[in-house]
Amino acid sequence: MISYIITICSLSCLNKDGQPIDWYVQIKKNKGFEAIYFDQTMNDFEHVAPMTDLNLNPIMKTLNPVYEDDSLFYMLFNDKTSDDKQSSSLAHQKGVIAFDIVSQTGVYILHSTPGWPNRQNETFDFTADDYAQHFLCLSIDLPALQLLGEDLYVTRPQIYYNSFNVEFLEQQANYLFQASQNKYDKEKTTKRVDFFTRGGQKFSLTYKNSQASVDIWSHVALSHKENLKVETWLRENGNAKAKSYSYCGENTVELVGLVQFLNYTWKETSDHCKWGVGQTLACFADINFQVSQLNRGGSVMCVQSPFLQAALSRAIVELDRDMLCCASNFYKNVPISEPYKHDYECLDTCLFPFIYDLNLTVHPTMFQCYSCQKFTSRHHTCVDSCSFINGSICEELGDRTNCPFVNGDQCVFTCENGSEPNDQRECIKINRGHTGFVIGISVAIGIIIIGVIVGVIVCCKRKQKYRKLGAKTGEITPFKYGQMRLSMSDM
């Protein structure tokens, strides 16, 4: 455990008991003010006083000294300010930096709440916020303050309050001074740095500006070489799910659909938090996983805390089925065709041992263990969605609820309880309003291509216990990979 020594005169994050703490996470539930809390001394979340309790809630306890002591300086930034000023051209970044220049100690709060916190002598009404929100509080020193200055100089947030002494900033934290003067880095910049709290906990801070035009969440996944499950805002104009995307590259980023913290459960449509969890990482951010935010500045703070990582992982009840990585890596970074959106559900069963690429070249693979089982009739798709290859054994799914073929087409189950296939012709017929193409699949010793008539007709035969998936040249099979859904606005 990291030792944490603090003087009585320093400015620090305060826990639920009002005691100095190196770092903590607080999450406000949706449709209410109740809050849950986790810090470096714990192994799971627990209940704390609601956000409306200014004296007992940890975040409010932490901010009270900042408002009450005029010798403490603080800076507030948010893409939506407490007086409702919004900016879509500046960073999608929300935070509080407070600092005591005498003890050279302070706090940094990275959060997700629009219009919060209020300036001194203002009030904030949490009753107007129906969404879940997160707050990450870090106790900082001067080197950490300087790093935060570099962050803000690159990201260019909307700073709506700043009481810092100008001379101090100019001499001790020059990048923060420049950010406060609306000066910023105009070059394409995406950067990852080690960030240490005052107690010595190592975080990884990743930040980028609008010029970089990159998705920061996929950048975090790739730079840390971890697959991430991310919970971020996905709604458009507050009343409909916004179009987003899954990232299915060398490392994946998938979206969370339903969470449960302690006895509180809510869907992504009621969640404005921005957090992610990997194999070892727990991350919190001020920017969403959306196409629209490729051109916004923002940051992600990650920590390798086994207990926090486990607690966040346990909170995930299910993923968003529209944004999963459900196909072979042969379709890496290729968006699926629009007509196939919402055409399937993904099950954790093993995909076929042979997969065609877009040029109908067969590849042996077991990249993913997913099988997509539901297809809609408007695409005239016929496929045996209830059988799969388990090693070399042909098996059926236990739940056959959605298994019958669409429109009763002529395909029949090719795999029934490991016996001989009922029909070795297994076919996939795809018609998307263009000339129909029938693509068959065959593995006997190789692939037999019969001919080309008004397009491409490939008839296939199949050896017992094997099946393949084919696609028309230049067209993606109805399995999602790297799907993008564009967004016009976000929060």
Protein backbone atom coordinates (compact mmCIF):
# COMPACT_ATOMS: atom_id res chain seq x y z
CA MET A 1 0.00 0.00 0.00
CA ILE A 2 1.18 3.48 -0.81
CA SER A 3 1.88 5.47 2.32
CA TYR A 4 0.15 8.82 2.48
CA ILE A 5 1.51 11.49 4.81
CA ILE A 6 -0.20 14.85 4.91
CA THR A 7 0.12 17.99 6.98
CA ILE A 8 -2.87 19.52 8.68
CA CYS A 9 -2.56 22.75 6.67
CA SER A 10 -2.62 21.14 3.25
CA LEU A 11 -5.49 21.09 0.78
CA SER A 12 -6.62 17.54 -0.02
CA CYS A 13 -9.48 15.37 -1.15
CA LEU A 14 -11.64 14.57 1.88
CA ASN A 15 -13.35 11.23 2.39
CA LYS A 16 -16.80 10.53 3.81
CA ASP A 17 -15.46 11.09 7.33
CA GLY A 18 -13.86 14.39 6.39
CA GLN A 19 -10.36 12.93 6.58
CA PRO A 20 -7.65 13.66 3.95
CA ILE A 21 -7.41 10.94 1.32
CA ASP A 22 -5.08 10.58 -1.66
CA TRP A 23 -7.77 9.83 -4.24
CA TYR A 24 -11.34 8.63 -4.55
CA VAL A 25 -14.17 8.02 -7.00
CA GLN A 26 -17.74 9.09 -6.37
CA ILE A 27 -20.71 8.25 -8.59
CA LYS A 28 -24.10 9.92 -8.38
CA LYS A 29 -26.97 7.64 -9.36
CA ASN A 30 -29.51 8.55 -12.01
CA LYS A 31 -32.86 10.11 -11.10
CA GLY A 32 -31.76 11.09 -7.64
CA PHE A 33 -28.98 12.42 -5.45
CA GLU A 34 -27.79 9.22 -3.81
CA ALA A 35 -24.06 8.61 -4.19
CA ILE A 36 -21.64 5.74 -3.94
CA TYR A 37 -17.96 6.03 -3.10
CA PHE A 38 -14.64 4.21 -3.53
CA ASP A 39 -11.14 5.20 -2.37
CA GLN A 40 -7.70 3.59 -2.28
CA THR A 41 -8.35 2.01 1.12
CA MET A 42 -11.41 0.05 -0.05
CA ASN A 43 -12.18 -3.04 -2.13
CA ASP A 44 -15.71 -2.13 -3.24
CA PHE A 45 -18.10 0.80 -3.52
CA GLU A 46 -20.24 1.84 -0.57
CA HIS A 47 -23.04 4.30 0.08
CA VAL A 48 -22.26 7.87 1.19
CA ALA A 49 -24.36 10.94 1.93
CA PRO A 50 -26.27 12.26 -1.10
CA MET A 51 -24.89 15.02 -3.30
CA THR A 52 -27.37 17.48 -1.83
CA ASP A 53 -25.75 17.13 1.60
CA LEU A 54 -23.15 19.91 1.51
CA ASN A 55 -21.66 18.91 4.85
CA LEU A 56 -21.38 15.13 4.62
CA ASN A 57 -20.97 14.25 0.95
CA PRO A 58 -17.25 13.69 0.14
CA ILE A 59 -17.18 15.90 -2.97
CA MET A 60 -18.99 18.71 -1.17
CA LYS A 61 -16.73 18.30 1.86
CA THR A 62 -13.71 18.61 -0.42
CA LEU A 63 -14.99 21.81 -2.05
CA ASN A 64 -16.19 23.57 1.11
CA PRO A 65 -12.70 24.80 2.18
CA VAL A 66 -12.11 26.12 -1.33
CA TYR A 67 -15.20 28.30 -1.14
CA GLU A 68 -14.65 29.34 2.46
CA ASP A 69 -10.95 30.27 2.40
CA ASP A 70 -10.06 33.22 0.17
CA SER A 71 -6.37 32.31 0.33
CA LEU A 72 -7.06 29.18 -1.72
CA PHE A 73 -7.13 29.55 -5.49
CA TYR A 74 -9.31 27.57 -7.86
CA MET A 75 -10.14 27.22 -11.53
CA LEU A 76 -13.38 25.86 -13.00
CA PHE A 77 -13.79 24.62 -16.55
CA ASN A 78 -16.74 22.99 -18.31
CA ASP A 79 -18.16 22.82 -21.83
CA LYS A 80 -21.40 24.01 -20.22
CA THR A 81 -20.87 26.62 -17.51
CA SER A 82 -22.89 27.26 -14.38
CA ASP A 83 -24.65 30.15 -16.18
CA ASP A 84 -25.47 27.85 -19.13
CA LYS A 85 -22.83 29.12 -21.54
CA GLN A 86 -21.99 26.28 -23.92
CA SER A 87 -19.23 25.79 -26.46
CA SER A 88 -18.95 23.03 -29.05
CA SER A 89 -15.64 24.31 -30.43
CA LEU A 90 -13.68 24.11 -27.17
CA ALA A 91 -12.75 20.95 -25.29
CA HIS A 92 -15.40 18.57 -24.03
CA GLN A 93 -13.76 18.84 -20.63
CA LYS A 94 -15.07 19.29 -17.11
CA GLY A 95 -12.96 19.82 -14.03
CA VAL A 96 -11.92 21.70 -10.91
CA ILE A 97 -8.36 22.61 -9.93
CA ALA A 98 -7.89 24.08 -6.45
CA PHE A 99 -4.52 24.94 -4.93
CA ASP A 100 -2.88 26.36 -1.81
CA ILE A 101 0.28 28.18 -2.92
CA VAL A 102 1.64 28.29 0.65
CA SER A 103 1.68 24.53 1.23
CA GLN A 104 1.80 23.87 -2.54
CA THR A 105 -0.95 21.28 -2.21
CA GLY A 106 -4.31 21.01 -3.89
CA VAL A 107 -7.02 18.90 -5.48
CA TYR A 108 -8.05 18.04 -9.00
CA ILE A 109 -11.61 16.86 -9.66
CA LEU A 110 -12.29 15.31 -13.06
CA HIS A 111 -16.06 14.96 -13.49
CA SER A 112 -18.91 14.60 -15.97
CA THR A 113 -21.57 17.04 -14.74
CA PRO A 114 -22.57 19.91 -17.07
CA GLY A 115 -22.89 23.31 -15.38
CA TRP A 116 -21.10 22.16 -12.21
CA PRO A 117 -19.66 23.32 -9.90
CA ASN A 118 -21.02 26.75 -9.23
CA ARG A 119 -18.90 29.80 -8.74
CA GLN A 120 -18.64 31.16 -5.22
CA ASN A 121 -21.98 32.45 -3.92
CA GLU A 122 -23.90 30.55 -6.63
CA THR A 123 -26.00 27.47 -6.05
CA PHE A 124 -26.25 24.30 -8.11
CA ASP A 125 -29.52 22.40 -8.26
CA PHE A 126 -28.89 18.68 -8.63
CA THR A 127 -32.65 18.17 -8.95
CA ALA A 128 -32.25 19.27 -12.57
CA ASP A 129 -29.83 16.43 -13.27
CA ASP A 130 -31.58 13.12 -13.93
CA TYR A 131 -28.44 11.34 -15.12
CA ALA A 132 -25.74 9.37 -13.38
CA GLN A 133 -22.48 11.33 -13.05
CA HIS A 134 -18.94 10.54 -11.93
CA PHE A 135 -16.35 12.46 -9.90
CA LEU A 136 -12.67 11.53 -9.61
CA CYS A 137 -10.81 13.46 -6.91
CA LEU A 138 -7.00 13.48 -6.79
CA SER A 139 -4.81 15.16 -4.18
CA ILE A 140 -2.04 17.00 -6.02
CA ASP A 141 1.24 18.86 -5.53
CA LEU A 142 3.07 21.42 -7.67
CA PRO A 143 4.46 18.91 -10.24
CA ALA A 144 0.94 17.53 -10.73
CA LEU A 145 -0.41 21.07 -11.11
CA GLN A 146 2.18 21.72 -13.79
CA LEU A 147 1.15 18.55 -15.66
CA LEU A 148 -2.49 19.63 -15.50
CA GLY A 149 -1.41 22.92 -17.02
CA GLU A 150 0.13 21.07 -19.96
CA ASP A 151 -3.11 19.11 -20.31
CA LEU A 152 -5.28 22.24 -20.45
CA TYR A 153 -2.85 24.04 -22.76
CA VAL A 154 -3.36 21.24 -25.30
CA THR A 155 -7.07 20.48 -24.83
CA ARG A 156 -8.29 24.11 -24.62
CA PRO A 157 -11.25 23.86 -22.22
CA GLN A 158 -13.81 26.56 -21.52
CA ILE A 159 -12.52 28.17 -18.30
CA TYR A 160 -15.38 30.04 -16.67
CA TYR A 161 -13.78 30.95 -13.34
CA ASN A 162 -10.18 31.50 -12.30
CA SER A 163 -8.98 33.03 -9.03
CA PHE A 164 -5.32 31.95 -9.34
CA ASN A 165 -2.63 34.50 -8.65
CA VAL A 166 -1.33 35.48 -12.09
CA GLU A 167 2.28 35.90 -10.98
CA PHE A 168 2.28 32.47 -9.33
CA LEU A 169 0.91 30.78 -12.44
CA GLU A 170 3.27 32.59 -14.77
CA GLN A 171 6.31 31.58 -12.74
CA GLN A 172 5.33 28.17 -11.33
CA ALA A 173 2.82 26.70 -13.80
CA ASN A 174 3.31 28.53 -17.07
CA TYR A 175 1.25 26.20 -19.25
CA LEU A 176 -1.71 26.64 -16.91
CA PHE A 177 -1.13 30.40 -17.10
CA GLN A 178 -1.24 30.27 -20.90
CA ALA A 179 -4.41 28.19 -20.84
CA SER A 180 -6.00 30.74 -18.49
CA GLN A 181 -5.14 33.44 -21.06
CA ASN A 182 -6.81 31.43 -23.85
CA LYS A 183 -3.50 30.51 -25.41
CA TYR A 184 -3.21 26.94 -26.56
CA ASP A 185 -1.32 24.40 -28.63
CA LYS A 186 -2.37 24.66 -32.28
CA GLU A 187 -0.49 21.57 -33.47
CA LYS A 188 -2.07 18.13 -33.70
CA THR A 189 -1.37 16.69 -30.27
CA THR A 190 -2.24 13.45 -28.49
CA LYS A 191 -0.14 12.69 -25.45
CA ARG A 192 0.10 10.16 -22.64
CA VAL A 193 2.05 10.98 -19.47
CA ASP A 194 2.52 9.45 -16.03
CA PHE A 195 0.66 11.45 -13.41
CA PHE A 196 1.41 10.99 -9.72
CA THR A 197 -0.88 12.01 -6.88
CA ARG A 198 0.60 13.63 -3.81
CA GLY A 199 0.49 10.26 -2.09
CA GLY A 200 2.49 8.61 -4.86
CA GLN A 201 -0.28 6.76 -6.73
CA LYS A 202 0.61 6.49 -10.41
CA PHE A 203 -2.10 7.38 -12.91
CA SER A 204 -1.82 7.47 -16.69
CA LEU A 205 -3.10 10.75 -18.15
CA THR A 206 -3.99 10.80 -21.84
CA TYR A 207 -5.11 14.04 -23.46
CA LYS A 208 -5.63 15.39 -26.96
CA ASN A 209 -6.80 18.47 -28.80
CA SER A 210 -9.39 18.96 -31.52
CA GLN A 211 -6.73 19.19 -34.23
CA ALA A 212 -5.63 15.61 -33.51
CA SER A 213 -9.01 14.30 -34.72
CA VAL A 214 -8.59 10.96 -32.95
CA ASP A 215 -10.75 8.89 -30.66
CA ILE A 216 -9.12 9.08 -27.26
CA TRP A 217 -10.70 5.87 -25.92
CA SER A 218 -9.33 3.69 -28.72
CA HIS A 219 -6.00 5.50 -28.28
CA VAL A 220 -6.00 4.51 -24.60
CA ALA A 221 -6.86 0.89 -25.50
CA LEU A 222 -4.03 0.67 -28.03
CA SER A 223 -1.40 2.49 -25.96
CA HIS A 224 -2.11 0.30 -22.92
CA LYS A 225 -2.73 -2.82 -25.03
CA GLU A 226 -5.99 -3.56 -23.21
CA ASN A 227 -9.55 -4.20 -24.34
CA LEU A 228 -11.90 -1.64 -22.81
CA LYS A 229 -15.56 -1.70 -21.86
CA VAL A 230 -16.66 1.92 -21.73
CA GLU A 231 -19.69 3.68 -20.26
CA THR A 232 -20.19 7.13 -21.80
CA TRP A 233 -22.98 9.42 -22.95
CA LEU A 234 -24.72 8.01 -26.04
CA ARG A 235 -27.82 10.17 -26.34
CA GLU A 236 -28.54 12.99 -28.76
CA ASN A 237 -30.15 16.21 -27.54
CA GLY A 238 -31.07 14.46 -24.30
CA ASN A 239 -33.93 12.40 -25.70
CA ALA A 240 -32.61 9.77 -28.09
CA LYS A 241 -29.64 7.47 -28.25
CA ALA A 242 -26.91 9.18 -30.24
CA LYS A 243 -25.04 7.32 -32.93
CA SER A 244 -21.70 6.07 -31.73
CA TYR A 245 -19.42 3.21 -32.66
CA SER A 246 -17.45 0.24 -31.42
CA TYR A 247 -13.72 0.08 -32.02
CA CYS A 248 -12.59 -3.39 -33.02
CA GLY A 249 -8.93 -3.05 -33.86
CA GLU A 250 -5.93 -4.77 -32.34
CA ASN A 251 -7.48 -3.87 -28.99
CA THR A 252 -11.22 -3.36 -28.71
CA VAL A 253 -13.50 -0.75 -27.18
CA GLU A 254 -17.08 -1.84 -26.55
CA LEU A 255 -19.97 0.04 -24.98
CA VAL A 256 -21.71 -0.77 -21.69
CA GLY A 257 -25.50 -1.00 -21.81
CA LEU A 258 -26.62 -1.63 -18.22
CA VAL A 259 -24.88 -1.15 -14.87
CA GLN A 260 -25.59 -1.96 -11.25
CA PHE A 261 -23.74 -0.29 -8.37
CA LEU A 262 -24.78 -1.79 -5.05
CA ASN A 263 -28.62 -1.72 -5.15
CA TYR A 264 -28.82 0.92 -7.90
CA THR A 265 -29.36 -0.10 -11.53
CA TRP A 266 -29.60 2.09 -14.60
CA LYS A 267 -29.29 1.92 -18.37
CA GLU A 268 -26.86 3.80 -20.60
CA THR A 269 -29.69 6.13 -21.60
CA SER A 270 -29.73 7.46 -18.02
CA ASP A 271 -25.96 7.59 -17.63
CA HIS A 272 -23.74 10.62 -18.24
CA CYS A 273 -20.68 9.06 -16.58
CA LYS A 274 -17.54 8.56 -18.63
CA TRP A 275 -15.58 5.60 -17.33
CA GLY A 276 -13.99 2.50 -18.73
CA VAL A 277 -12.49 -0.73 -17.47
CA GLY A 278 -9.87 -3.00 -19.03
CA GLN A 279 -8.05 -6.14 -17.94
CA THR A 280 -6.06 -4.09 -15.37
CA LEU A 281 -7.16 -0.50 -15.94
CA ALA A 282 -9.87 1.63 -14.38
CA CYS A 283 -10.34 4.87 -16.32
CA PHE A 284 -12.35 8.08 -15.91
CA ALA A 285 -12.70 10.78 -18.52
CA ASP A 286 -14.38 14.02 -19.47
CA ILE A 287 -14.94 13.03 -23.09
CA ASN A 288 -17.35 10.55 -24.67
CA PHE A 289 -16.72 7.60 -26.96
CA GLN A 290 -18.46 9.20 -29.95
CA VAL A 291 -17.58 10.05 -33.51
CA SER A 292 -18.63 13.65 -32.91
CA GLN A 293 -15.92 13.98 -30.26
CA LEU A 294 -13.04 13.07 -32.52
CA ASN A 295 -12.77 16.82 -33.08
CA ARG A 296 -13.03 17.86 -29.43
CA GLY A 297 -10.29 18.14 -26.87
CA GLY A 298 -10.44 16.02 -23.74
CA SER A 299 -8.63 13.70 -21.35
CA VAL A 300 -8.73 10.25 -19.77
CA MET A 301 -7.18 9.38 -16.40
CA CYS A 302 -6.43 5.67 -15.82
CA VAL A 303 -5.11 3.79 -12.81
CA GLN A 304 -4.05 0.19 -12.23
CA SER A 305 -6.02 -0.43 -9.06
CA PRO A 306 -7.06 -4.12 -8.83
CA PHE A 307 -9.92 -3.43 -6.42
CA LEU A 308 -11.34 -0.51 -8.41
CA GLN A 309 -10.98 -2.44 -11.67
CA ALA A 310 -12.82 -5.39 -10.14
CA ALA A 311 -15.55 -3.17 -8.66
CA LEU A 312 -16.22 -1.49 -12.01
CA SER A 313 -16.18 -4.84 -13.81
CA ARG A 314 -18.76 -6.22 -11.38
CA ALA A 315 -20.97 -3.20 -12.04
CA ILE A 316 -21.37 -4.12 -15.73
CA VAL A 317 -24.59 -6.10 -16.11
CA GLU A 318 -24.61 -6.18 -19.89
CA LEU A 319 -23.01 -4.54 -22.91
CA ASP A 320 -24.78 -2.51 -25.57
CA ARG A 321 -25.66 -5.13 -28.19
CA ASP A 322 -25.52 -2.53 -30.94
CA MET A 323 -21.87 -1.80 -30.25
CA LEU A 324 -19.99 -5.06 -29.83
CA CYS A 325 -17.06 -6.51 -31.71
CA CYS A 326 -18.75 -9.60 -33.15
CA ALA A 327 -16.75 -10.57 -36.20
CA SER A 328 -13.36 -11.78 -37.32
CA ASN A 329 -10.39 -9.43 -37.26
CA PHE A 330 -10.22 -9.89 -41.04
CA TYR A 331 -12.77 -7.09 -41.16
CA LYS A 332 -10.62 -4.81 -39.01
CA ASN A 333 -11.60 -1.14 -39.25
CA VAL A 334 -14.19 -1.79 -41.98
CA PRO A 335 -17.60 -0.26 -41.11
CA ILE A 336 -20.50 -2.62 -41.65
CA SER A 337 -23.06 -1.66 -44.28
CA GLU A 338 -25.93 0.42 -42.92
CA PRO A 339 -28.73 -2.05 -43.83
CA TYR A 340 -27.32 -4.65 -41.45
CA LYS A 341 -27.55 -2.46 -38.37
CA HIS A 342 -29.64 -4.10 -35.62
CA ASP A 343 -29.86 -7.36 -37.59
CA TYR A 344 -28.31 -9.65 -35.06
CA GLU A 345 -27.67 -10.54 -31.49
CA CYS A 346 -24.28 -11.84 -30.48
CA LEU A 347 -23.81 -14.95 -28.41
CA ASP A 348 -20.65 -16.19 -26.75
CA THR A 349 -20.28 -19.25 -28.98
CA CYS A 350 -17.47 -20.14 -31.33
CA LEU A 351 -17.49 -18.71 -34.82
CA PHE A 352 -16.83 -20.91 -37.83
CA PRO A 353 -13.26 -22.26 -38.19
CA PHE A 354 -12.94 -20.86 -41.71
CA ILE A 355 -13.80 -17.32 -42.74
CA TYR A 356 -13.64 -15.63 -46.12
CA ASP A 357 -12.12 -12.20 -46.54
CA LEU A 358 -13.66 -9.68 -48.93
CA ASN A 359 -11.95 -11.33 -51.91
CA LEU A 360 -13.45 -14.73 -51.14
CA THR A 361 -10.11 -16.08 -49.97
CA VAL A 362 -10.51 -18.63 -47.23
CA HIS A 363 -8.57 -18.28 -43.97
CA PRO A 364 -8.41 -20.74 -41.06
CA THR A 365 -9.20 -18.79 -37.92
CA MET A 366 -10.72 -18.93 -34.49
CA PHE A 367 -10.22 -15.24 -33.77
CA GLN A 368 -13.48 -14.62 -31.95
CA CYS A 369 -15.93 -16.82 -30.10
CA TYR A 370 -19.11 -15.10 -31.20
CA SER A 371 -22.00 -16.33 -33.32
CA CYS A 372 -24.67 -13.96 -34.61
CA GLN A 373 -28.06 -15.56 -34.45
CA LYS A 374 -30.82 -13.15 -35.49
CA PHE A 375 -31.29 -11.72 -38.99
CA THR A 376 -34.18 -9.71 -40.39
CA SER A 377 -36.26 -10.76 -43.37
CA ARG A 378 -35.90 -7.51 -45.31
CA HIS A 379 -32.41 -8.64 -46.31
CA HIS A 380 -33.58 -12.12 -47.33
CA THR A 381 -30.80 -13.66 -45.32
CA CYS A 382 -30.83 -17.39 -44.79
CA VAL A 383 -28.24 -18.96 -42.51
CA ASP A 384 -28.07 -21.77 -39.98
CA SER A 385 -27.75 -19.56 -36.93
CA CYS A 386 -28.25 -22.30 -34.36
CA SER A 387 -25.26 -24.49 -35.01
CA PHE A 388 -21.63 -23.80 -34.36
CA ILE A 389 -18.25 -25.51 -34.36
CA ASN A 390 -16.90 -26.48 -30.95
CA GLY A 391 -13.40 -27.64 -31.72
CA SER A 392 -14.10 -30.31 -34.32
CA ILE A 393 -17.58 -31.14 -33.05
CA CYS A 394 -20.71 -29.80 -34.68
CA GLU A 395 -23.08 -28.56 -31.97
CA GLU A 396 -26.32 -26.64 -31.59
CA LEU A 397 -27.15 -23.73 -29.36
CA GLY A 398 -29.13 -24.70 -26.29
CA ASP A 399 -31.66 -21.90 -26.76
CA ARG A 400 -33.28 -22.19 -30.19
CA THR A 401 -35.83 -19.40 -29.68
CA ASN A 402 -34.54 -17.30 -32.56
CA CYS A 403 -33.19 -20.15 -34.63
CA PRO A 404 -35.78 -20.83 -37.35
CA PHE A 405 -34.69 -19.53 -40.73
CA VAL A 406 -36.05 -16.26 -41.99
CA ASN A 407 -39.15 -16.58 -44.18
CA GLY A 408 -38.80 -20.38 -44.24
CA ASP A 409 -36.23 -20.25 -47.02
CA GLN A 410 -34.85 -23.50 -48.39
CA CYS A 411 -31.87 -23.71 -46.10
CA VAL A 412 -32.20 -26.26 -43.29
CA PHE A 413 -30.15 -26.89 -40.19
CA THR A 414 -26.74 -28.18 -41.17
CA CYS A 415 -25.81 -29.40 -37.74
CA GLU A 416 -28.12 -31.33 -35.45
CA ASN A 417 -26.79 -32.77 -32.24
CA GLY A 418 -23.45 -33.59 -33.86
CA SER A 419 -25.01 -35.88 -36.46
CA GLU A 420 -24.70 -35.78 -40.24
CA PRO A 421 -25.82 -32.42 -41.63
CA ASN A 422 -29.38 -32.44 -42.94
CA ASP A 423 -28.33 -30.44 -45.94
CA GLN A 424 -24.77 -29.99 -47.16
CA ARG A 425 -25.66 -27.03 -49.38
CA GLU A 426 -25.68 -24.46 -46.55
CA CYS A 427 -26.26 -21.16 -48.28
CA ILE A 428 -26.39 -17.48 -47.52
CA LYS A 429 -28.51 -15.32 -49.80
CA ILE A 430 -28.08 -11.55 -49.50
CA ASN A 431 -30.32 -9.05 -51.29
CA ARG A 432 -30.07 -5.40 -50.34
CA GLY A 433 -32.14 -3.88 -53.14
CA HIS A 434 -29.51 -4.67 -55.77
CA THR A 435 -29.17 -7.66 -58.08
CA GLY A 436 -29.26 -10.75 -55.93
CA PHE A 437 -26.12 -12.75 -55.40
CA VAL A 438 -26.02 -16.23 -54.00
CA ILE A 439 -22.81 -17.12 -52.24
CA GLY A 440 -22.35 -20.70 -51.19
CA ILE A 441 -19.70 -22.16 -48.95
CA SER A 442 -17.84 -25.39 -49.34
CA VAL A 443 -15.02 -27.22 -47.62
CA ALA A 444 -14.31 -30.67 -48.99
CA ILE A 445 -10.58 -30.41 -49.61
CA GLY A 446 -10.63 -26.82 -50.88
CA ILE A 447 -12.98 -24.25 -52.26
CA ILE A 448 -14.74 -25.00 -55.54
CA ILE A 449 -15.79 -21.93 -57.43
CA ILE A 450 -18.42 -22.92 -59.99
CA GLY A 451 -18.84 -19.76 -62.04
CA VAL A 452 -19.94 -16.20 -62.40
CA ILE A 453 -23.49 -15.39 -63.67
CA VAL A 454 -24.88 -11.80 -63.49
CA GLY A 455 -22.61 -11.17 -60.56
CA VAL A 456 -20.96 -13.82 -58.50
CA ILE A 457 -22.48 -17.25 -57.84
CA VAL A 458 -20.39 -19.50 -55.68
CA CYS A 459 -21.85 -22.88 -54.91
CA CYS A 460 -20.35 -24.70 -52.08
CA LYS A 461 -20.30 -28.11 -50.57
CA ARG A 462 -19.49 -28.70 -47.03
CA LYS A 463 -17.72 -31.50 -45.19
CA GLN A 464 -19.25 -32.75 -41.97
CA LYS A 465 -18.45 -30.63 -38.91
CA TYR A 466 -17.18 -27.59 -40.84
CA ARG A 467 -18.90 -24.52 -42.14
CA LYS A 468 -17.73 -21.33 -43.74
CA LEU A 469 -19.01 -17.87 -44.19
CA GLY A 470 -18.75 -16.06 -47.55
CA ALA A 471 -19.45 -12.59 -48.83
CA LYS A 472 -19.83 -10.86 -52.17
CA THR A 473 -16.60 -9.23 -53.29
CA GLY A 474 -16.36 -5.74 -51.83
CA GLU A 475 -19.23 -6.35 -49.45
CA ILE A 476 -19.27 -7.17 -45.77
CA THR A 477 -21.02 -10.19 -44.36
CA PRO A 478 -23.79 -9.52 -41.85
CA PHE A 479 -21.43 -9.64 -38.90
CA LYS A 480 -20.59 -6.39 -37.19
CA TYR A 481 -17.03 -5.17 -37.10
CA GLY A 482 -15.82 -1.66 -36.47
CA GLN A 483 -19.33 -0.30 -36.92
CA MET A 484 -19.59 3.49 -36.71
CA ARG A 485 -22.69 5.47 -35.92
CA LEU A 486 -22.34 9.21 -36.43
CA SER A 487 -23.49 11.82 -33.93
CA MET A 488 -24.50 15.40 -34.54
CA SER A 489 -24.48 16.50 -30.93
CA ASP A 490 -23.60 15.24 -27.51
CA MET A 491 -23.23 16.27 -23.91
